[in-house]
PDB file of N, CA and C in Angstrom:
ATOM      1  N   MET A   1     -12.284 -12.533  18.677  1.00  0.00           N
ATOM      2  CA  MET A   1     -10.952 -12.912  18.274  1.00  0.00           C
ATOM      3  C   MET A   1      -9.882 -13.402  19.381  1.00  0.00           C
ATOM      4  N   ALA A   2     -10.259 -12.937  20.592  1.00  0.00           N
ATOM      5  CA  ALA A   2      -9.504 -13.283  21.630  1.00  0.00           C
ATOM      6  C   ALA A   2      -9.820 -14.619  22.123  1.00  0.00           C
ATOM      7  N   PHE A   3     -10.953 -15.080  21.794  1.00  0.00           N
ATOM      8  CA  PHE A   3     -11.485 -16.352  22.077  1.00  0.00           C
ATOM      9  C   PHE A   3     -10.822 -17.608  21.193  1.00  0.00           C
ATOM     10  N   ARG A   4     -10.708 -17.211  19.840  1.00  0.00           N
ATOM     11  CA  ARG A   4     -10.123 -18.039  19.001  1.00  0.00           C
ATOM     12  C   ARG A   4      -8.577 -18.472  19.225  1.00  0.00           C
ATOM     13  N   LEU A   5      -7.983 -17.314  19.671  1.00  0.00           N
ATOM     14  CA  LEU A   5      -6.536 -17.207  20.158  1.00  0.00           C
ATOM     15  C   LEU A   5      -6.440 -18.176  21.310  1.00  0.00           C
ATOM     16  N   GLN A   6      -7.218 -17.939  22.444  1.00  0.00           N
ATOM     17  CA  GLN A   6      -7.292 -18.979  23.712  1.00  0.00           C
ATOM     18  C   GLN A   6      -7.411 -20.123  23.260  1.00  0.00           C
ATOM     19  N   THR A   7      -8.574 -20.524  22.327  1.00  0.00           N
ATOM     20  CA  THR A   7      -8.864 -21.942  21.996  1.00  0.00           C
ATOM     21  C   THR A   7      -7.752 -22.409  21.272  1.00  0.00           C
ATOM     22  N   TYR A   8      -7.200 -21.793  20.397  1.00  0.00           N
ATOM     23  CA  TYR A   8      -5.891 -22.252  19.782  1.00  0.00           C
ATOM     24  C   TYR A   8      -4.717 -22.649  20.799  1.00  0.00           C
ATOM     25  N   THR A   9      -4.567 -21.744  21.751  1.00  0.00           N
ATOM     26  CA  THR A   9      -3.246 -21.967  22.439  1.00  0.00           C
ATOM     27  C   THR A   9      -3.793 -23.022  23.818  1.00  0.00           C
ATOM     28  N   ALA A  10      -5.020 -23.155  24.148  1.00  0.00           N
ATOM     29  CA  ALA A  10      -5.220 -24.057  25.370  1.00  0.00           C
ATOM     30  C   ALA A  10      -4.955 -25.349  25.020  1.00  0.00           C
ATOM     31  N   ILE A  11      -4.125 -26.135  25.879  1.00  0.00           N
ATOM     32  CA  ILE A  11      -3.771 -27.307  25.553  1.00  0.00           C
ATOM     33  C   ILE A  11      -5.022 -28.247  25.361  1.00  0.00           C
ATOM     34  N   SER A  12      -5.994 -28.176  26.072  1.00  0.00           N
ATOM     35  CA  SER A  12      -7.095 -29.230  25.893  1.00  0.00           C
ATOM     36  C   SER A  12      -7.915 -28.911  24.785  1.00  0.00           C
ATOM     37  N   TYR A  13      -7.784 -27.843  23.990  1.00  0.00           N
ATOM     38  CA  TYR A  13      -8.326 -27.402  22.700  1.00  0.00           C
ATOM     39  C   TYR A  13      -7.406 -27.424  21.595  1.00  0.00           C
ATOM     40  N   ARG A  14      -6.023 -27.722  21.797  1.00  0.00           N
ATOM     41  CA  ARG A  14      -5.095 -27.506  20.746  1.00  0.00           C
ATOM     42  C   ARG A  14      -5.650 -28.124  19.196  1.00  0.00           C
ATOM     43  N   GLU A  15      -5.897 -29.479  19.179  1.00  0.00           N
ATOM     44  CA  GLU A  15      -6.279 -30.097  18.200  1.00  0.00           C
ATOM     45  C   GLU A  15      -7.533 -29.202  17.508  1.00  0.00           C
ATOM     46  N   TYR A  16      -8.664 -28.946  18.277  1.00  0.00           N
ATOM     47  CA  TYR A  16      -9.378 -28.130  17.422  1.00  0.00           C
ATOM     48  C   TYR A  16      -9.198 -26.777  17.113  1.00  0.00           C
ATOM     49  N   GLY A  17      -8.264 -26.095  17.706  1.00  0.00           N
ATOM     50  CA  GLY A  17      -7.666 -24.908  17.093  1.00  0.00           C
ATOM     51  C   GLY A  17      -6.800 -24.955  15.855  1.00  0.00           C
ATOM     52  N   LYS A  18      -6.270 -26.061  15.748  1.00  0.00           N
ATOM     53  CA  LYS A  18      -5.299 -26.223  14.515  1.00  0.00           C
ATOM     54  C   LYS A  18      -6.355 -26.519  13.526  1.00  0.00           C
ATOM     55  N   LYS A  19      -7.244 -27.504  13.614  1.00  0.00           N
ATOM     56  CA  LYS A  19      -8.272 -27.855  12.500  1.00  0.00           C
ATOM     57  C   LYS A  19      -8.882 -26.469  12.036  1.00  0.00           C
ATOM     58  N   PHE A  20      -9.193 -25.618  13.040  1.00  0.00           N
ATOM     59  CA  PHE A  20     -10.110 -24.225  12.806  1.00  0.00           C
ATOM     60  C   PHE A  20      -9.217 -23.278  11.932  1.00  0.00           C
ATOM     61  N   PHE A  21      -7.850 -23.123  12.245  1.00  0.00           N
ATOM     62  CA  PHE A  21      -7.058 -22.344  11.473  1.00  0.00           C
ATOM     63  C   PHE A  21      -6.529 -22.853  10.193  1.00  0.00           C
ATOM     64  N   GLU A  22      -6.506 -24.263  10.235  1.00  0.00           N
ATOM     65  CA  GLU A  22      -6.457 -24.848   8.760  1.00  0.00           C
ATOM     66  C   GLU A  22      -7.552 -24.575   7.803  1.00  0.00           C
ATOM     67  N   GLY A  23      -8.823 -24.394   8.480  1.00  0.00           N
ATOM     68  CA  GLY A  23      -9.871 -24.008   7.621  1.00  0.00           C
ATOM     69  C   GLY A  23      -9.601 -22.490   7.061  1.00  0.00           C
ATOM     70  N   ASP A  24      -9.233 -21.621   8.254  1.00  0.00           N
ATOM     71  CA  ASP A  24      -8.899 -20.235   7.654  1.00  0.00           C
ATOM     72  C   ASP A  24      -7.996 -20.316   6.690  1.00  0.00           C
ATOM     73  N   ASN A  25      -6.825 -21.049   6.864  1.00  0.00           N
ATOM     74  CA  ASN A  25      -5.884 -21.176   5.753  1.00  0.00           C
ATOM     75  C   ASN A  25      -6.306 -21.487   4.395  1.00  0.00           C
ATOM     76  N   GLN A  26      -7.228 -22.445   4.282  1.00  0.00           N
ATOM     77  CA  GLN A  26      -7.829 -23.040   3.065  1.00  0.00           C
ATOM     78  C   GLN A  26      -8.764 -21.639   2.587  1.00  0.00           C
ATOM     79  N   ARG A  27      -9.442 -21.119   3.378  1.00  0.00           N
ATOM     80  CA  ARG A  27     -10.297 -19.961   2.978  1.00  0.00           C
ATOM     81  C   ARG A  27      -9.627 -18.736   2.331  1.00  0.00           C
ATOM     82  N   TYR A  28      -8.410 -18.439   2.949  1.00  0.00           N
ATOM     83  CA  TYR A  28      -7.701 -17.312   2.372  1.00  0.00           C
ATOM     84  C   TYR A  28      -6.960 -17.775   1.301  1.00  0.00           C
ATOM     85  N   SER A  29      -6.598 -19.034   1.078  1.00  0.00           N
ATOM     86  CA  SER A  29      -5.960 -19.500  -0.119  1.00  0.00           C
ATOM     87  C   SER A  29      -6.836 -19.504  -1.392  1.00  0.00           C
ATOM     88  N   ASP A  30      -8.193 -19.811  -1.077  1.00  0.00           N
ATOM     89  CA  ASP A  30      -9.224 -19.772  -2.215  1.00  0.00           C
ATOM     90  C   ASP A  30      -9.553 -18.490  -2.418  1.00  0.00           C
ATOM     91  N   TYR A  31      -9.469 -17.573  -1.481  1.00  0.00           N
ATOM     92  CA  TYR A  31      -9.717 -15.967  -1.748  1.00  0.00           C
ATOM     93  C   TYR A  31      -8.549 -15.641  -2.727  1.00  0.00           C
ATOM     94  N   ALA A  32      -7.276 -16.059  -2.258  1.00  0.00           N
ATOM     95  CA  ALA A  32      -6.211 -15.421  -3.276  1.00  0.00           C
ATOM     96  C   ALA A  32      -6.229 -16.189  -4.642  1.00  0.00           C
ATOM     97  N   ASP A  33      -6.908 -17.402  -4.688  1.00  0.00           N
ATOM     98  CA  ASP A  33      -7.220 -17.925  -6.104  1.00  0.00           C
ATOM     99  C   ASP A  33      -8.074 -16.896  -6.638  1.00  0.00           C
ATOM    100  N   SER A  34      -9.344 -16.722  -6.011  1.00  0.00           N
ATOM    101  CA  SER A  34     -10.311 -15.980  -6.743  1.00  0.00           C
ATOM    102  C   SER A  34      -9.794 -14.429  -7.185  1.00  0.00           C
ATOM    103  N   LEU A  35      -8.917 -13.845  -6.368  1.00  0.00           N
ATOM    104  CA  LEU A  35      -8.437 -12.540  -6.705  1.00  0.00           C
ATOM    105  C   LEU A  35      -7.667 -12.640  -8.130  1.00  0.00           C
ATOM    106  N   THR A  36      -6.827 -13.514  -8.134  1.00  0.00           N
ATOM    107  CA  THR A  36      -5.904 -14.119  -9.183  1.00  0.00           C
ATOM    108  C   THR A  36      -6.647 -13.761 -10.439  1.00  0.00           C
ATOM    109  N   GLU A  37      -7.947 -14.372 -10.667  1.00  0.00           N
ATOM    110  CA  GLU A  37      -8.688 -14.149 -11.806  1.00  0.00           C
ATOM    111  C   GLU A  37      -9.104 -12.814 -12.008  1.00  0.00           C
ATOM    112  N   ILE A  38      -9.400 -11.953 -10.856  1.00  0.00           N
ATOM    113  CA  ILE A  38      -9.840 -10.665 -11.098  1.00  0.00           C
ATOM    114  C   ILE A  38      -8.631  -9.482 -11.464  1.00  0.00           C
ATOM    115  N   ILE A  39      -7.797  -9.744 -10.638  1.00  0.00           N
ATOM    116  CA  ILE A  39      -6.679  -8.649 -10.805  1.00  0.00           C
ATOM    117  C   ILE A  39      -5.450  -9.266 -11.317  1.00  0.00           C
ATOM    118  N   GLY A  40      -5.123 -10.469 -11.652  1.00  0.00           N
ATOM    119  CA  GLY A  40      -4.039 -11.016 -12.368  1.00  0.00           C
ATOM    120  C   GLY A  40      -2.572 -11.295 -11.736  1.00  0.00           C
ATOM    121  N   PHE A  41      -2.767 -11.130 -10.566  1.00  0.00           N
ATOM    122  CA  PHE A  41      -1.560 -11.183  -9.571  1.00  0.00           C
ATOM    123  C   PHE A  41      -1.697 -12.969  -9.411  1.00  0.00           C
ATOM    124  N   PRO A  42      -0.415 -13.460  -9.453  1.00  0.00           N
ATOM    125  CA  PRO A  42      -0.501 -14.882  -9.041  1.00  0.00           C
ATOM    126  C   PRO A  42      -0.972 -15.220  -7.779  1.00  0.00           C
ATOM    127  N   SER A  43      -1.612 -16.323  -7.469  1.00  0.00           N
ATOM    128  CA  SER A  43      -2.149 -16.588  -5.958  1.00  0.00           C
ATOM    129  C   SER A  43      -0.871 -16.692  -5.073  1.00  0.00           C
ATOM    130  N   ASP A  44       0.312 -17.276  -5.528  1.00  0.00           N
ATOM    131  CA  ASP A  44       1.432 -17.447  -4.415  1.00  0.00           C
ATOM    132  C   ASP A  44       1.821 -16.000  -4.176  1.00  0.00           C
ATOM    133  N   VAL A  45       1.687 -15.052  -4.893  1.00  0.00           N
ATOM    134  CA  VAL A  45       2.024 -13.584  -4.488  1.00  0.00           C
ATOM    135  C   VAL A  45       0.885 -13.080  -3.432  1.00  0.00           C
ATOM    136  N   LEU A  46      -0.249 -13.286  -3.790  1.00  0.00           N
ATOM    137  CA  LEU A  46      -1.430 -12.668  -3.183  1.00  0.00           C
ATOM    138  C   LEU A  46      -1.289 -13.460  -1.538  1.00  0.00           C
ATOM    139  N   ARG A  47      -1.411 -14.867  -1.517  1.00  0.00           N
ATOM    140  CA  ARG A  47      -1.766 -15.473  -0.552  1.00  0.00           C
ATOM    141  C   ARG A  47      -0.801 -15.051   0.673  1.00  0.00           C
ATOM    142  N   PRO A  48       0.515 -14.875   0.565  1.00  0.00           N
ATOM    143  CA  PRO A  48       1.295 -14.235   1.805  1.00  0.00           C
ATOM    144  C   PRO A  48       0.780 -12.674   2.102  1.00  0.00           C
ATOM    145  N   MET A  49       0.508 -11.876   1.051  1.00  0.00           N
ATOM    146  CA  MET A  49      -0.186 -10.495   1.482  1.00  0.00           C
ATOM    147  C   MET A  49      -1.391 -10.654   2.248  1.00  0.00           C
ATOM    148  N   ILE A  50      -2.169 -11.449   1.803  1.00  0.00           N
ATOM    149  CA  ILE A  50      -3.398 -11.928   2.748  1.00  0.00           C
ATOM    150  C   ILE A  50      -3.143 -12.296   4.016  1.00  0.00           C
ATOM    151  N   PHE A  51      -2.177 -13.269   4.187  1.00  0.00           N
ATOM    152  CA  PHE A  51      -1.717 -13.615   5.467  1.00  0.00           C
ATOM    153  C   PHE A  51      -1.170 -12.380   6.478  1.00  0.00           C
ATOM    154  N   VAL A  52      -0.349 -11.584   5.648  1.00  0.00           N
ATOM    155  CA  VAL A  52       0.343 -10.406   6.296  1.00  0.00           C
ATOM    156  C   VAL A  52      -0.907  -9.383   6.755  1.00  0.00           C
ATOM    157  N   PHE A  53      -1.896  -9.292   6.056  1.00  0.00           N
ATOM    158  CA  PHE A  53      -2.942  -8.476   6.377  1.00  0.00           C
ATOM    159  C   PHE A  53      -3.564  -8.990   7.452  1.00  0.00           C
ATOM    160  N   VAL A  54      -3.952 -10.264   7.472  1.00  0.00           N
ATOM    161  CA  VAL A  54      -4.734 -10.693   8.639  1.00  0.00           C
ATOM    162  C   VAL A  54      -3.979 -10.609   9.850  1.00  0.00           C
ATOM    163  N   ARG A  55      -2.817 -11.144   9.837  1.00  0.00           N
ATOM    164  CA  ARG A  55      -2.061 -11.005  11.085  1.00  0.00           C
ATOM    165  C   ARG A  55      -1.803  -9.588  11.446  1.00  0.00           C
ATOM    166  N   ALA A  56      -1.819  -8.691  10.860  1.00  0.00           N
ATOM    167  CA  ALA A  56      -1.588  -7.130  11.144  1.00  0.00           C
ATOM    168  C   ALA A  56      -3.033  -6.920  11.970  1.00  0.00           C
ATOM    169  N   CYS A  57      -4.035  -7.412  11.156  1.00  0.00           N
ATOM    170  CA  CYS A  57      -5.502  -6.918  11.896  1.00  0.00           C
ATOM    171  C   CYS A  57      -5.773  -7.684  13.105  1.00  0.00           C
ATOM    172  N   VAL A  58      -5.427  -8.809  13.195  1.00  0.00           N
ATOM    173  CA  VAL A  58      -5.449  -9.729  14.537  1.00  0.00           C
ATOM    174  C   VAL A  58      -4.553  -9.037  15.574  1.00  0.00           C
ATOM    175  N   HIS A  59      -3.394  -8.606  15.250  1.00  0.00           N
ATOM    176  CA  HIS A  59      -2.455  -8.041  16.421  1.00  0.00           C
ATOM    177  C   HIS A  59      -3.127  -6.796  16.739  1.00  0.00           C
ATOM    178  N   ASP A  60      -3.592  -5.898  15.694  1.00  0.00           N
ATOM    179  CA  ASP A  60      -4.247  -4.823  16.223  1.00  0.00           C
ATOM    180  C   ASP A  60      -5.549  -4.849  17.029  1.00  0.00           C
ATOM    181  N   ALA A  61      -6.364  -5.793  16.711  1.00  0.00           N
ATOM    182  CA  ALA A  61      -7.361  -6.063  17.463  1.00  0.00           C
ATOM    183  C   ALA A  61      -7.092  -6.456  18.909  1.00  0.00           C
ATOM    184  N   LEU A  62      -6.223  -7.428  18.796  1.00  0.00           N
ATOM    185  CA  LEU A  62      -5.616  -8.083  20.576  1.00  0.00           C
ATOM    186  C   LEU A  62      -5.017  -7.126  21.069  1.00  0.00           C
ATOM    187  N   TYR A  63      -4.143  -6.345  20.510  1.00  0.00           N
ATOM    188  CA  TYR A  63      -3.156  -5.458  21.457  1.00  0.00           C
ATOM    189  C   TYR A  63      -3.080  -4.035  21.112  1.00  0.00           C
ATOM    190  N   GLU A  64      -4.136  -3.607  20.245  1.00  0.00           N
ATOM    191  CA  GLU A  64      -4.311  -2.229  19.850  1.00  0.00           C
ATOM    192  C   GLU A  64      -2.914  -1.493  19.316  1.00  0.00           C
ATOM    193  N   ASP A  65      -2.114  -2.098  18.836  1.00  0.00           N
ATOM    194  CA  ASP A  65      -0.978  -1.614  18.381  1.00  0.00           C
ATOM    195  C   ASP A  65      -1.121  -1.026  17.170  1.00  0.00           C
ATOM    196  N   GLU A  66      -1.125   0.164  17.082  1.00  0.00           N
ATOM    197  CA  GLU A  66      -1.475   1.202  15.639  1.00  0.00           C
ATOM    198  C   GLU A  66      -0.287   1.237  14.942  1.00  0.00           C
ATOM    199  N   LEU A  67       0.763   1.316  15.649  1.00  0.00           N
ATOM    200  CA  LEU A  67       2.093   1.452  14.939  1.00  0.00           C
ATOM    201  C   LEU A  67       2.394   0.013  13.974  1.00  0.00           C
ATOM    202  N   TYR A  68       2.097  -1.152  14.526  1.00  0.00           N
ATOM    203  CA  TYR A  68       2.285  -2.531  14.100  1.00  0.00           C
ATOM    204  C   TYR A  68       1.440  -2.721  12.604  1.00  0.00           C
ATOM    205  N   LEU A  69       0.125  -2.023  12.895  1.00  0.00           N
ATOM    206  CA  LEU A  69      -0.911  -2.245  11.817  1.00  0.00           C
ATOM    207  C   LEU A  69      -0.245  -1.226  10.753  1.00  0.00           C
ATOM    208  N   GLN A  70      -0.180   0.106  11.046  1.00  0.00           N
ATOM    209  CA  GLN A  70       0.218   0.937  10.112  1.00  0.00           C
ATOM    210  C   GLN A  70       1.564   0.628   9.106  1.00  0.00           C
ATOM    211  N   GLU A  71       2.424   0.003   9.905  1.00  0.00           N
ATOM    212  CA  GLU A  71       3.779  -0.534   9.328  1.00  0.00           C
ATOM    213  C   GLU A  71       3.468  -1.770   8.181  1.00  0.00           C
ATOM    214  N   GLN A  72       2.834  -2.596   8.885  1.00  0.00           N
ATOM    215  CA  GLN A  72       2.223  -3.688   7.869  1.00  0.00           C
ATOM    216  C   GLN A  72       1.513  -3.275   6.835  1.00  0.00           C
ATOM    217  N   LEU A  73       0.608  -2.314   7.084  1.00  0.00           N
ATOM    218  CA  LEU A  73      -0.193  -1.704   5.731  1.00  0.00           C
ATOM    219  C   LEU A  73       0.666  -1.168   4.919  1.00  0.00           C
ATOM    220  N   ARG A  74       1.664  -0.486   5.293  1.00  0.00           N
ATOM    221  CA  ARG A  74       2.508   0.516   4.527  1.00  0.00           C
ATOM    222  C   ARG A  74       3.265  -0.485   3.547  1.00  0.00           C
ATOM    223  N   PHE A  75       3.862  -1.858   4.298  1.00  0.00           N
ATOM    224  CA  PHE A  75       4.560  -2.755   3.633  1.00  0.00           C
ATOM    225  C   PHE A  75       3.772  -3.292   2.399  1.00  0.00           C
ATOM    226  N   LEU A  76       2.381  -3.533   2.844  1.00  0.00           N
ATOM    227  CA  LEU A  76       1.466  -4.037   1.736  1.00  0.00           C
ATOM    228  C   LEU A  76       1.253  -3.272   0.670  1.00  0.00           C
ATOM    229  N   LYS A  77       1.153  -1.851   0.906  1.00  0.00           N
ATOM    230  CA  LYS A  77       0.980  -0.831  -0.085  1.00  0.00           C
ATOM    231  C   LYS A  77       1.979  -0.891  -1.140  1.00  0.00           C
ATOM    232  N   GLN A  78       3.358  -0.893  -0.570  1.00  0.00           N
ATOM    233  CA  GLN A  78       4.574  -0.878  -1.290  1.00  0.00           C
ATOM    234  C   GLN A  78       4.672  -1.980  -2.166  1.00  0.00           C
ATOM    235  N   SER A  79       4.307  -3.315  -1.485  1.00  0.00           N
ATOM    236  CA  SER A  79       4.343  -4.518  -2.153  1.00  0.00           C
ATOM    237  C   SER A  79       3.447  -4.380  -3.451  1.00  0.00           C
ATOM    238  N   ILE A  80       2.264  -4.020  -3.254  1.00  0.00           N
ATOM    239  CA  ILE A  80       1.231  -3.996  -4.232  1.00  0.00           C
ATOM    240  C   ILE A  80       1.673  -3.219  -5.242  1.00  0.00           C
ATOM    241  N   ALA A  81       2.428  -1.991  -5.182  1.00  0.00           N
ATOM    242  CA  ALA A  81       2.635  -1.179  -6.226  1.00  0.00           C
ATOM    243  C   ALA A  81       3.915  -1.831  -6.881  1.00  0.00           C
ATOM    244  N   LEU A  82       4.860  -2.510  -6.323  1.00  0.00           N
ATOM    245  CA  LEU A  82       5.870  -3.162  -7.037  1.00  0.00           C
ATOM    246  C   LEU A  82       5.367  -4.236  -7.748  1.00  0.00           C
ATOM    247  N   PHE A  83       4.524  -5.155  -7.275  1.00  0.00           N
ATOM    248  CA  PHE A  83       4.022  -6.158  -8.151  1.00  0.00           C
ATOM    249  C   PHE A  83       3.052  -5.678  -9.185  1.00  0.00           C
ATOM    250  N   TYR A  84       2.452  -4.615  -8.837  1.00  0.00           N
ATOM    251  CA  TYR A  84       1.624  -3.935 -10.122  1.00  0.00           C
ATOM    252  C   TYR A  84       2.596  -3.701 -11.317  1.00  0.00           C
ATOM    253  N   GLU A  85       3.633  -3.135 -10.796  1.00  0.00           N
ATOM    254  CA  GLU A  85       4.489  -2.785 -12.098  1.00  0.00           C
ATOM    255  C   GLU A  85       5.014  -3.862 -12.840  1.00  0.00           C
ATOM    256  N   LYS A  86       5.308  -5.041 -12.057  1.00  0.00           N
ATOM    257  CA  LYS A  86       5.760  -6.136 -12.717  1.00  0.00           C
ATOM    258  C   LYS A  86       4.884  -7.147 -13.541  1.00  0.00           C
ATOM    259  N   PHE A  87       3.630  -6.995 -13.040  1.00  0.00           N
ATOM    260  CA  PHE A  87       2.424  -7.717 -13.528  1.00  0.00           C
ATOM    261  C   PHE A  87       1.594  -6.854 -14.448  1.00  0.00           C
TER     262      PHE A  87
END
């Protein structure tokens, strides 16, 4: 993961890094679309939740910040409960 971050931020590899993360964005969007069919939440609701989860995991992996991870997970659990009630 650290290598991906270094690649994305290094000036000489910036364009490659942007393309790489665009691929991630597409994969996460496709995953949100597939989950829509399974659990019935709209993909425009699921996509940001997936991005928050991934960001929390990356932050935890890079900085070993357990508080950040737990707060993000708590937020996601609360959000899912609210959306579950709505949908």
